[in-house]
Amino acid sequence: MRVSALFAMFASISTIVCAAERSVAQANAPIPDAALSAAMTYNIVTEQAIYQFSSYARADIVREIVRHWPDADKSGINTAKRIQHFFAQIAVETGGLADLEENLNYSVKGLIRVWPKHFNSKNASAYAGDGYKLANFIYGGRYGNRPKTDDGYVYRGSGSMQLTFRGNFRDRGKELGLGTKLMDNPDLVREPPMAFQTAWAYWAAKNANELADKDDVVGIRKAVNGGLNGLPNAKYWLAKARAAFKATGAGVSEAEAIDAEKDAATRAALQSLGYKAPAGIASGADKDVVPSLLKQFQRDNHLPVTGGLDARTERLLFSPQNIPRE
């Protein structure tokens, strides 16, 4: 082979190698939180990522989210921040993507703790263990629910965003091009396909994408819930979402920041339930105080006392039934 031919061959190989190196570098480069391509959001929202986010997420709920994610993407949930905030909110409402129907089976103590404005030791026993009666009492005659009907129970919290009240079922149906179908058949919202569709429709109706762009978890909680009920839960799930739904891997400093967010949110959730740190460590850092609080919580709830946030402890601590309501 002539020398000139050899040089040409080596030059060609060098060009190919350089191009490959550039491609690898581009693939590994951090991706800004601008609108991602549809293919990229599908790579972020996977079954594996969702189970990393919540290990006890219900399989049928997970499948429907992944299957119909293109609809959410088209609605504008198409950046890492938007995806993370969206999952944080639906996790608050569904107890980690585990339930699509509001659990209204409360004890006397639970009613007094969750609805202190409505219940006390004198009247709570009449509603304890009776979800039908409770829903009609709490939700009746409000936001489109008709007085002296069963609308409170019929339109109880449902779906991935826990739609409540007849008006919300009506509005989501209109937005999804279904007319009055959801208002006429509310059980549809308690099934995984429509549970997810109504969740992103509600998110869009509340202009939550704009708030997510600002990383405003407080504003999003107000928009979704109407108040700050469940804010510690939202902050906890948001920290988990930051780790699970990412366009690139987290560095050491970012992982440490996520852990700190989780510790702070866990401490706040425990304190909202009345758990206080012993005087000797009360002023300590969240990471030092949380194990002591968790041990108290685990003892009270007959869980293995480890001081760690295992799946069983997480699920009970961040249950929607532990969120104080108005």
Protein backbone atom coordinates (compact mmCIF):
# COMPACT_ATOMS: atom_id res chain seq x y z
CA MET A 1 0.00 0.00 0.00
CA ARG A 2 1.33 3.44 -0.88
CA VAL A 3 2.29 5.87 1.89
CA SER A 4 -0.29 8.39 0.66
CA ALA A 5 -3.01 5.79 0.93
CA LEU A 6 -1.94 4.91 4.47
CA PHE A 7 -2.06 8.57 5.48
CA ALA A 8 -5.53 8.88 4.00
CA MET A 9 -6.71 5.80 5.86
CA PHE A 10 -5.32 7.01 9.21
CA ALA A 11 -6.83 10.46 8.67
CA SER A 12 -10.22 8.88 8.04
CA ILE A 13 -9.95 6.75 11.19
CA SER A 14 -8.91 9.80 13.22
CA THR A 15 -11.93 11.73 11.98
CA ILE A 16 -14.27 8.90 12.95
CA VAL A 17 -12.72 8.59 16.44
CA CYS A 18 -12.96 12.34 17.06
CA ALA A 19 -16.59 12.35 15.98
CA ALA A 20 -17.33 9.44 18.30
CA GLU A 21 -15.60 11.20 21.19
CA ARG A 22 -17.67 14.33 20.55
CA SER A 23 -20.85 12.25 20.52
CA VAL A 24 -19.97 10.63 23.86
CA ALA A 25 -19.14 14.00 25.39
CA GLN A 26 -22.42 15.45 24.17
CA ALA A 27 -24.36 12.47 25.50
CA ASN A 28 -22.76 12.84 28.94
CA ALA A 29 -23.11 16.62 29.11
CA PRO A 30 -25.66 18.00 31.60
CA ILE A 31 -29.00 18.71 29.98
CA PRO A 32 -30.50 22.12 30.79
CA ASP A 33 -34.02 22.17 32.21
CA ALA A 34 -35.56 23.35 28.99
CA ALA A 35 -38.26 21.46 27.15
CA LEU A 36 -36.96 17.96 26.56
CA SER A 37 -37.67 15.98 23.44
CA ALA A 38 -40.62 13.62 23.72
CA ALA A 39 -38.27 10.65 23.42
CA MET A 40 -36.20 11.97 26.32
CA THR A 41 -39.17 12.43 28.65
CA TYR A 42 -40.20 8.86 27.88
CA ASN A 43 -36.69 7.76 28.88
CA ILE A 44 -37.05 9.63 32.17
CA VAL A 45 -40.55 8.40 33.01
CA THR A 46 -40.02 4.65 33.05
CA GLU A 47 -41.34 1.87 35.24
CA GLN A 48 -37.87 1.50 36.75
CA ALA A 49 -37.74 5.20 37.67
CA ILE A 50 -41.23 5.11 39.17
CA TYR A 51 -40.41 2.11 41.35
CA GLN A 52 -37.22 3.87 42.45
CA PHE A 53 -39.46 6.78 43.41
CA SER A 54 -41.99 4.59 45.27
CA SER A 55 -41.15 0.93 45.74
CA TYR A 56 -44.75 0.07 46.67
CA ALA A 57 -46.43 1.88 43.77
CA ARG A 58 -49.31 -0.19 42.40
CA ALA A 59 -48.37 -2.03 39.22
CA ASP A 60 -51.48 -1.11 37.24
CA ILE A 61 -51.07 2.56 38.15
CA VAL A 62 -47.44 2.50 37.03
CA ARG A 63 -48.25 0.80 33.73
CA GLU A 64 -50.89 3.35 32.81
CA ILE A 65 -48.65 6.30 33.65
CA VAL A 66 -45.87 4.99 31.41
CA ARG A 67 -48.26 3.93 28.65
CA HIS A 68 -50.02 7.28 28.50
CA TRP A 69 -47.12 9.57 29.35
CA PRO A 70 -47.20 11.05 25.80
CA ASP A 71 -50.47 12.76 26.78
CA ALA A 72 -48.85 14.38 29.81
CA ASP A 73 -45.87 15.39 27.70
CA LYS A 74 -48.17 17.12 25.20
CA SER A 75 -49.84 18.98 28.06
CA GLY A 76 -46.49 20.58 28.88
CA ILE A 77 -45.06 18.29 31.57
CA ASN A 78 -41.90 18.10 29.52
CA THR A 79 -38.96 19.27 31.63
CA ALA A 80 -37.19 17.56 34.49
CA LYS A 81 -38.53 20.06 37.03
CA ARG A 82 -42.10 19.74 35.79
CA ILE A 83 -41.93 15.95 35.84
CA GLN A 84 -40.46 15.95 39.35
CA HIS A 85 -43.06 18.31 40.78
CA PHE A 86 -45.92 16.48 39.06
CA PHE A 87 -44.88 13.14 40.54
CA ALA A 88 -44.37 14.71 43.97
CA GLN A 89 -47.95 15.96 44.02
CA ILE A 90 -49.62 12.78 42.81
CA ALA A 91 -47.55 10.83 45.35
CA VAL A 92 -48.88 13.02 48.16
CA GLU A 93 -52.43 12.41 46.99
CA THR A 94 -52.12 8.66 46.40
CA GLY A 95 -49.79 7.68 49.22
CA GLY A 96 -46.89 6.91 46.89
CA LEU A 97 -48.98 5.88 43.84
CA ALA A 98 -50.64 3.14 45.87
CA ASP A 99 -54.31 4.19 46.10
CA LEU A 100 -56.73 5.87 43.70
CA GLU A 101 -59.65 6.23 46.10
CA GLU A 102 -59.73 8.30 49.26
CA ASN A 103 -59.66 6.17 52.39
CA LEU A 104 -62.37 7.60 54.63
CA ASN A 105 -62.17 4.94 57.32
CA TYR A 106 -60.98 6.92 60.35
CA SER A 107 -60.84 6.19 64.04
CA VAL A 108 -62.16 8.71 66.56
CA LYS A 109 -58.61 9.83 67.25
CA GLY A 110 -57.87 10.11 63.54
CA LEU A 111 -60.93 12.26 62.85
CA ILE A 112 -60.02 14.68 65.62
CA ARG A 113 -56.42 14.90 64.41
CA VAL A 114 -57.18 15.29 60.69
CA TRP A 115 -60.31 17.47 60.89
CA PRO A 116 -59.93 19.39 64.16
CA LYS A 117 -62.40 22.09 63.05
CA HIS A 118 -65.15 19.54 62.50
CA PHE A 119 -64.63 16.86 65.14
CA ASN A 120 -64.07 16.57 68.85
CA SER A 121 -64.48 13.91 71.49
CA LYS A 122 -68.24 14.48 71.56
CA ASN A 123 -69.16 14.03 67.89
CA ALA A 124 -66.34 12.01 66.30
CA SER A 125 -67.65 8.59 67.31
CA ALA A 126 -70.75 9.08 65.13
CA TYR A 127 -68.55 9.19 62.01
CA ALA A 128 -65.67 6.89 62.92
CA GLY A 129 -65.47 3.90 60.59
CA ASP A 130 -68.28 5.21 58.37
CA GLY A 131 -66.75 6.65 55.20
CA TYR A 132 -70.12 7.14 53.51
CA LYS A 133 -71.48 9.27 56.32
CA LEU A 134 -68.19 11.12 56.78
CA ALA A 135 -67.86 12.10 53.10
CA ASN A 136 -71.40 13.43 52.90
CA PHE A 137 -70.83 15.46 56.07
CA ILE A 138 -67.43 16.89 55.10
CA TYR A 139 -67.96 17.39 51.37
CA GLY A 140 -71.73 17.81 51.05
CA GLY A 141 -73.15 20.98 49.49
CA ARG A 142 -69.79 22.39 48.37
CA TYR A 143 -68.08 23.05 45.03
CA GLY A 144 -70.88 21.68 42.91
CA ASN A 145 -71.98 18.97 45.33
CA ARG A 146 -75.74 19.26 45.71
CA PRO A 147 -77.23 19.67 49.19
CA LYS A 148 -79.09 16.73 50.71
CA THR A 149 -77.64 14.24 48.24
CA ASP A 150 -74.89 11.62 48.38
CA ASP A 151 -72.61 13.80 46.23
CA GLY A 152 -70.09 14.09 49.06
CA TYR A 153 -69.47 10.35 48.89
CA VAL A 154 -70.02 9.90 45.15
CA TYR A 155 -67.44 12.59 44.36
CA ARG A 156 -64.98 11.73 47.13
CA GLY A 157 -61.24 11.95 46.48
CA SER A 158 -60.50 9.97 43.31
CA GLY A 159 -57.69 9.38 40.84
CA SER A 160 -54.01 10.24 40.85
CA MET A 161 -54.70 13.84 41.85
CA GLN A 162 -57.60 12.88 44.15
CA LEU A 163 -60.29 14.91 42.41
CA THR A 164 -62.95 15.86 44.94
CA PHE A 165 -66.35 17.51 44.43
CA ARG A 166 -68.77 17.26 41.54
CA GLY A 167 -67.48 20.45 39.92
CA ASN A 168 -64.00 19.00 39.48
CA PHE A 169 -65.34 15.85 37.83
CA ARG A 170 -67.43 18.02 35.50
CA ASP A 171 -64.54 20.33 34.58
CA ARG A 172 -62.00 17.57 33.94
CA GLY A 173 -64.49 15.80 31.70
CA LYS A 174 -64.93 18.93 29.62
CA GLU A 175 -61.18 19.51 29.36
CA LEU A 176 -60.61 15.95 28.17
CA GLY A 177 -63.36 16.19 25.56
CA LEU A 178 -65.61 13.77 27.43
CA GLY A 179 -68.54 16.07 28.12
CA THR A 180 -70.35 14.97 31.28
CA LYS A 181 -69.01 11.41 31.17
CA LEU A 182 -66.88 11.70 34.31
CA MET A 183 -69.55 13.52 36.26
CA ASP A 184 -72.08 10.87 35.24
CA ASN A 185 -69.66 7.97 35.83
CA PRO A 186 -67.28 9.05 38.64
CA ASP A 187 -66.04 5.50 39.18
CA LEU A 188 -64.05 5.90 35.94
CA VAL A 189 -61.72 8.31 37.72
CA ARG A 190 -60.94 5.63 40.29
CA GLU A 191 -59.49 3.38 37.57
CA PRO A 192 -55.84 3.77 36.46
CA PRO A 193 -56.37 5.04 32.87
CA MET A 194 -58.67 7.93 33.73
CA ALA A 195 -56.96 8.48 37.09
CA PHE A 196 -53.85 9.56 35.20
CA GLN A 197 -55.65 11.52 32.46
CA THR A 198 -57.54 13.62 35.00
CA ALA A 199 -54.33 14.20 36.97
CA TRP A 200 -52.45 15.91 34.15
CA ALA A 201 -55.62 17.74 33.09
CA TYR A 202 -56.02 19.12 36.62
CA TRP A 203 -52.32 20.03 36.70
CA ALA A 204 -52.68 21.94 33.44
CA ALA A 205 -55.85 23.70 34.62
CA LYS A 206 -53.96 24.99 37.66
CA ASN A 207 -51.07 26.31 35.52
CA ALA A 208 -48.74 24.23 37.66
CA ASN A 209 -46.04 23.99 34.98
CA GLU A 210 -45.22 27.67 35.44
CA LEU A 211 -44.85 27.16 39.18
CA ALA A 212 -42.69 24.08 38.63
CA ASP A 213 -40.37 26.13 36.42
CA LYS A 214 -39.79 28.36 39.47
CA ASP A 215 -39.31 25.28 41.68
CA ASP A 216 -42.17 26.66 43.80
CA VAL A 217 -43.39 23.66 45.78
CA VAL A 218 -45.38 25.91 48.13
CA GLY A 219 -47.19 27.58 45.24
CA ILE A 220 -47.90 24.23 43.60
CA ARG A 221 -49.28 22.80 46.82
CA LYS A 222 -51.62 25.77 47.15
CA ALA A 223 -52.72 25.40 43.53
CA VAL A 224 -53.32 21.66 43.78
CA ASN A 225 -54.78 21.47 47.27
CA GLY A 226 -56.16 24.94 47.88
CA GLY A 227 -53.94 25.32 50.95
CA LEU A 228 -50.74 24.03 52.49
CA ASN A 229 -52.12 20.73 53.77
CA GLY A 230 -49.55 18.04 53.09
CA LEU A 231 -46.65 20.41 52.40
CA PRO A 232 -44.09 18.30 54.33
CA ASN A 233 -45.22 15.28 52.29
CA ALA A 234 -44.85 17.23 49.05
CA LYS A 235 -41.32 18.29 49.98
CA TYR A 236 -40.40 14.72 50.85
CA TRP A 237 -41.72 13.28 47.60
CA LEU A 238 -40.13 16.09 45.63
CA ALA A 239 -36.73 15.18 47.06
CA LYS A 240 -37.30 11.57 45.99
CA ALA A 241 -38.50 12.71 42.57
CA ARG A 242 -35.32 14.73 42.05
CA ALA A 243 -33.33 11.53 42.47
CA ALA A 244 -35.59 9.29 40.38
CA PHE A 245 -36.58 11.46 37.41
CA LYS A 246 -33.44 13.02 36.01
CA ALA A 247 -32.03 13.61 32.56
CA THR A 248 -28.53 12.99 33.95
CA GLY A 249 -27.10 11.27 37.02
CA ALA A 250 -26.81 13.13 40.31
CA GLY A 251 -23.39 14.17 41.56
CA VAL A 252 -22.25 13.66 45.14
CA SER A 253 -23.15 17.18 46.27
CA GLU A 254 -26.60 16.96 44.68
CA ALA A 255 -27.26 13.57 46.27
CA GLU A 256 -26.31 15.02 49.66
CA ALA A 257 -28.67 17.95 49.10
CA ILE A 258 -31.49 15.55 48.23
CA ASP A 259 -30.85 13.57 51.43
CA ALA A 260 -30.95 16.80 53.43
CA GLU A 261 -34.29 17.73 51.83
CA LYS A 262 -35.72 14.32 52.73
CA ASP A 263 -34.51 14.60 56.34
CA ALA A 264 -36.03 18.08 56.74
CA ALA A 265 -39.36 16.98 55.25
CA THR A 266 -39.45 13.81 57.36
CA ARG A 267 -38.83 15.82 60.52
CA ALA A 268 -41.61 18.26 59.57
CA ALA A 269 -44.05 15.41 58.87
CA LEU A 270 -43.30 13.77 62.21
CA GLN A 271 -43.64 17.04 64.07
CA SER A 272 -47.00 17.68 62.39
CA LEU A 273 -48.14 14.42 64.02
CA GLY A 274 -46.96 15.60 67.42
CA TYR A 275 -43.54 13.93 67.59
CA LYS A 276 -40.96 16.09 69.32
CA ALA A 277 -37.26 15.43 69.68
CA PRO A 278 -35.81 14.88 73.17
CA ALA A 279 -34.48 18.09 74.70
CA GLY A 280 -30.89 16.96 74.36
CA ILE A 281 -31.00 16.75 70.57
CA ALA A 282 -33.97 18.98 69.68
CA SER A 283 -31.75 21.72 68.28
CA GLY A 284 -29.63 19.30 66.28
CA ALA A 285 -29.43 18.88 62.54
CA ASP A 286 -32.32 17.10 60.83
CA LYS A 287 -30.17 14.06 60.02
CA ASP A 288 -29.35 13.66 63.72
CA VAL A 289 -32.87 14.25 65.06
CA VAL A 290 -34.89 12.23 62.53
CA PRO A 291 -33.79 8.73 63.69
CA SER A 292 -34.98 9.46 67.24
CA LEU A 293 -38.35 10.72 66.00
CA LEU A 294 -38.74 7.76 63.67
CA LYS A 295 -38.13 5.33 66.52
CA GLN A 296 -40.95 6.96 68.50
CA PHE A 297 -43.25 6.73 65.48
CA GLN A 298 -42.31 3.11 64.82
CA ARG A 299 -42.95 2.09 68.44
CA ASP A 300 -46.36 3.75 68.44
CA ASN A 301 -47.33 2.01 65.21
CA HIS A 302 -45.95 -1.44 66.02
CA LEU A 303 -43.27 -1.30 63.32
CA PRO A 304 -39.71 -2.62 63.60
CA VAL A 305 -37.86 0.04 65.59
CA THR A 306 -34.88 0.86 63.40
CA GLY A 307 -34.84 4.65 63.26
CA GLY A 308 -34.65 4.29 59.49
CA LEU A 309 -37.21 5.21 56.86
CA ASP A 310 -37.95 1.78 55.39
CA ALA A 311 -40.85 1.29 52.97
CA ARG A 312 -43.41 0.34 55.65
CA THR A 313 -42.53 3.34 57.79
CA GLU A 314 -42.51 5.67 54.80
CA ARG A 315 -45.90 4.47 53.60
CA LEU A 316 -47.55 4.95 56.98
CA LEU A 317 -45.86 8.23 57.87
CA PHE A 318 -46.68 9.86 54.54
CA SER A 319 -50.15 8.35 54.24
CA PRO A 320 -52.81 10.83 53.06
CA GLN A 321 -54.77 9.85 56.17
CA ASN A 322 -52.14 11.60 58.29
CA ILE A 323 -52.49 14.94 56.51
CA PRO A 324 -54.43 17.53 58.56
CA ARG A 325 -57.38 19.04 56.63
CA GLU A 326 -59.37 22.23 56.88
